Amino acid sequence: MCDRVAVLAGGKIRALGTPATLGGRATAASIVRWAEDGATHELSTDVPTAAVAELAKRFVGEVPDLTVSRPTLEDIYLQLIGDER
């Protein structure tokens, strides 16, 4: 919906950029989650494809409850405003 976004907190611009790159979002680590032995495990990584490939080898196929996510725009916004909430 927009080309550029600014985050204001405490009367100051905390970040300015495109929604994809705001606050380092484009380079932020991915979170890989999966289930194993009745527990959910989580790994923060810059190379999620390598992590998923290793898990696929370990599980010999489908990894239970596998998800890969990056920070949402809301996650970045909350991180940027910090104590200003």
C-alpha atoms as a PDB file:
ATOM      1  CA  MET A   1       0.000   0.000   0.000  1.00  0.00           C
ATOM      2  CA  CYS A   2       2.920   2.369   0.511  1.00  0.00           C
ATOM      3  CA  ASP A   3       6.433   2.773  -0.854  1.00  0.00           C
ATOM      4  CA  ARG A   4       8.037   4.186   2.285  1.00  0.00           C
ATOM      5  CA  VAL A   5       7.270   4.013   5.992  1.00  0.00           C
ATOM      6  CA  ALA A   6       8.434   6.104   8.939  1.00  0.00           C
ATOM      7  CA  VAL A   7       8.252   4.999  12.551  1.00  0.00           C
ATOM      8  CA  LEU A   8       7.817   7.855  15.024  1.00  0.00           C
ATOM      9  CA  ALA A   9       8.319   7.418  18.765  1.00  0.00           C
ATOM     10  CA  GLY A  10       8.825  10.100  21.354  1.00  0.00           C
ATOM     11  CA  GLY A  11       8.547  12.765  18.661  1.00  0.00           C
ATOM     12  CA  LYS A  12      11.536  11.386  16.751  1.00  0.00           C
ATOM     13  CA  ILE A  13      11.843   9.353  13.568  1.00  0.00           C
ATOM     14  CA  ARG A  14      13.199   5.958  14.656  1.00  0.00           C
ATOM     15  CA  ALA A  15      13.323   4.403  11.186  1.00  0.00           C
ATOM     16  CA  LEU A  16      12.552   5.305   7.598  1.00  0.00           C
ATOM     17  CA  GLY A  17      12.471   2.951   4.626  1.00  0.00           C
ATOM     18  CA  THR A  18      10.421   0.546   2.585  1.00  0.00           C
ATOM     19  CA  PRO A  19       8.194  -1.921   4.453  1.00  0.00           C
ATOM     20  CA  ALA A  20      10.511  -4.768   3.375  1.00  0.00           C
ATOM     21  CA  THR A  21      13.686  -3.138   4.713  1.00  0.00           C
ATOM     22  CA  LEU A  22      12.430  -1.089   7.670  1.00  0.00           C
ATOM     23  CA  GLY A  23      14.564  -1.564  10.763  1.00  0.00           C
ATOM     24  CA  GLY A  24      16.791  -4.170   9.107  1.00  0.00           C
ATOM     25  CA  ARG A  25      13.843  -6.465   8.381  1.00  0.00           C
ATOM     26  CA  ALA A  26      15.328  -7.673   5.069  1.00  0.00           C
ATOM     27  CA  THR A  27      18.488  -8.913   6.785  1.00  0.00           C
ATOM     28  CA  ALA A  28      16.974 -10.109  10.069  1.00  0.00           C
ATOM     29  CA  ALA A  29      17.444 -13.729  11.045  1.00  0.00           C
ATOM     30  CA  SER A  30      14.750 -16.281  10.264  1.00  0.00           C
ATOM     31  CA  ILE A  31      13.187 -18.455  12.939  1.00  0.00           C
ATOM     32  CA  VAL A  32      12.953 -22.178  12.158  1.00  0.00           C
ATOM     33  CA  ARG A  33      10.537 -24.126  14.415  1.00  0.00           C
ATOM     34  CA  TRP A  34       9.784 -27.838  14.522  1.00  0.00           C
ATOM     35  CA  ALA A  35       8.423 -30.484  16.891  1.00  0.00           C
ATOM     36  CA  GLU A  36      10.558 -33.266  18.286  1.00  0.00           C
ATOM     37  CA  ASP A  37      10.113 -35.596  21.262  1.00  0.00           C
ATOM     38  CA  GLY A  38       6.902 -33.827  22.273  1.00  0.00           C
ATOM     39  CA  ALA A  39       8.507 -30.385  22.438  1.00  0.00           C
ATOM     40  CA  THR A  40       8.737 -27.420  20.102  1.00  0.00           C
ATOM     41  CA  HIS A  41      12.263 -26.416  19.158  1.00  0.00           C
ATOM     42  CA  GLU A  42      13.373 -23.088  17.714  1.00  0.00           C
ATOM     43  CA  LEU A  43      16.492 -21.946  15.885  1.00  0.00           C
ATOM     44  CA  SER A  44      17.385 -18.398  14.822  1.00  0.00           C
ATOM     45  CA  THR A  45      19.476 -18.456  11.645  1.00  0.00           C
ATOM     46  CA  ASP A  46      20.622 -16.363   8.704  1.00  0.00           C
ATOM     47  CA  VAL A  47      20.519 -19.445   6.448  1.00  0.00           C
ATOM     48  CA  PRO A  48      17.140 -21.118   7.002  1.00  0.00           C
ATOM     49  CA  THR A  49      17.438 -23.331   3.922  1.00  0.00           C
ATOM     50  CA  ALA A  50      20.551 -24.983   5.361  1.00  0.00           C
ATOM     51  CA  ALA A  51      18.813 -25.522   8.707  1.00  0.00           C
ATOM     52  CA  VAL A  52      15.774 -27.070   7.005  1.00  0.00           C
ATOM     53  CA  ALA A  53      18.020 -29.314   4.898  1.00  0.00           C
ATOM     54  CA  GLU A  54      19.779 -30.587   8.039  1.00  0.00           C
ATOM     55  CA  LEU A  55      16.452 -31.233   9.744  1.00  0.00           C
ATOM     56  CA  ALA A  56      15.174 -33.090   6.673  1.00  0.00           C
ATOM     57  CA  LYS A  57      18.231 -35.366   6.808  1.00  0.00           C
ATOM     58  CA  ARG A  58      17.732 -35.983  10.511  1.00  0.00           C
ATOM     59  CA  PHE A  59      14.048 -36.811  10.149  1.00  0.00           C
ATOM     60  CA  VAL A  60      14.533 -38.664   6.851  1.00  0.00           C
ATOM     61  CA  GLY A  61      11.796 -36.733   5.107  1.00  0.00           C
ATOM     62  CA  GLU A  62       9.031 -34.576   6.539  1.00  0.00           C
ATOM     63  CA  VAL A  63       9.913 -32.489   9.592  1.00  0.00           C
ATOM     64  CA  PRO A  64       7.031 -32.407  12.105  1.00  0.00           C
ATOM     65  CA  ASP A  65       5.311 -28.991  12.468  1.00  0.00           C
ATOM     66  CA  LEU A  66       8.044 -27.218  10.509  1.00  0.00           C
ATOM     67  CA  THR A  67       7.669 -23.452  10.096  1.00  0.00           C
ATOM     68  CA  VAL A  68      10.099 -20.830   8.867  1.00  0.00           C
ATOM     69  CA  SER A  69       9.349 -17.181   9.577  1.00  0.00           C
ATOM     70  CA  ARG A  70      10.976 -13.782   9.422  1.00  0.00           C
ATOM     71  CA  PRO A  71      10.135 -10.811  11.642  1.00  0.00           C
ATOM     72  CA  THR A  72       6.843  -9.189  10.700  1.00  0.00           C
ATOM     73  CA  LEU A  73       6.472  -5.462  10.228  1.00  0.00           C
ATOM     74  CA  GLU A  74       4.744  -5.421  13.623  1.00  0.00           C
ATOM     75  CA  ASP A  75       7.716  -7.209  15.260  1.00  0.00           C
ATOM     76  CA  ILE A  76      10.091  -4.599  13.835  1.00  0.00           C
ATOM     77  CA  TYR A  77       7.807  -1.723  14.862  1.00  0.00           C
ATOM     78  CA  LEU A  78       7.617  -2.946  18.464  1.00  0.00           C
ATOM     79  CA  GLN A  79      11.383  -3.415  18.550  1.00  0.00           C
ATOM     80  CA  LEU A  80      11.934   0.115  17.231  1.00  0.00           C
ATOM     81  CA  ILE A  81       9.628   1.884  19.678  1.00  0.00           C
ATOM     82  CA  GLY A  82      10.933  -0.094  22.670  1.00  0.00           C
ATOM     83  CA  ASP A  83      10.318   1.844  25.890  1.00  0.00           C
ATOM     84  CA  GLU A  84       8.192   4.477  24.152  1.00  0.00           C
ATOM     85  CA  ARG A  85       5.136   2.186  24.444  1.00  0.00           C
END
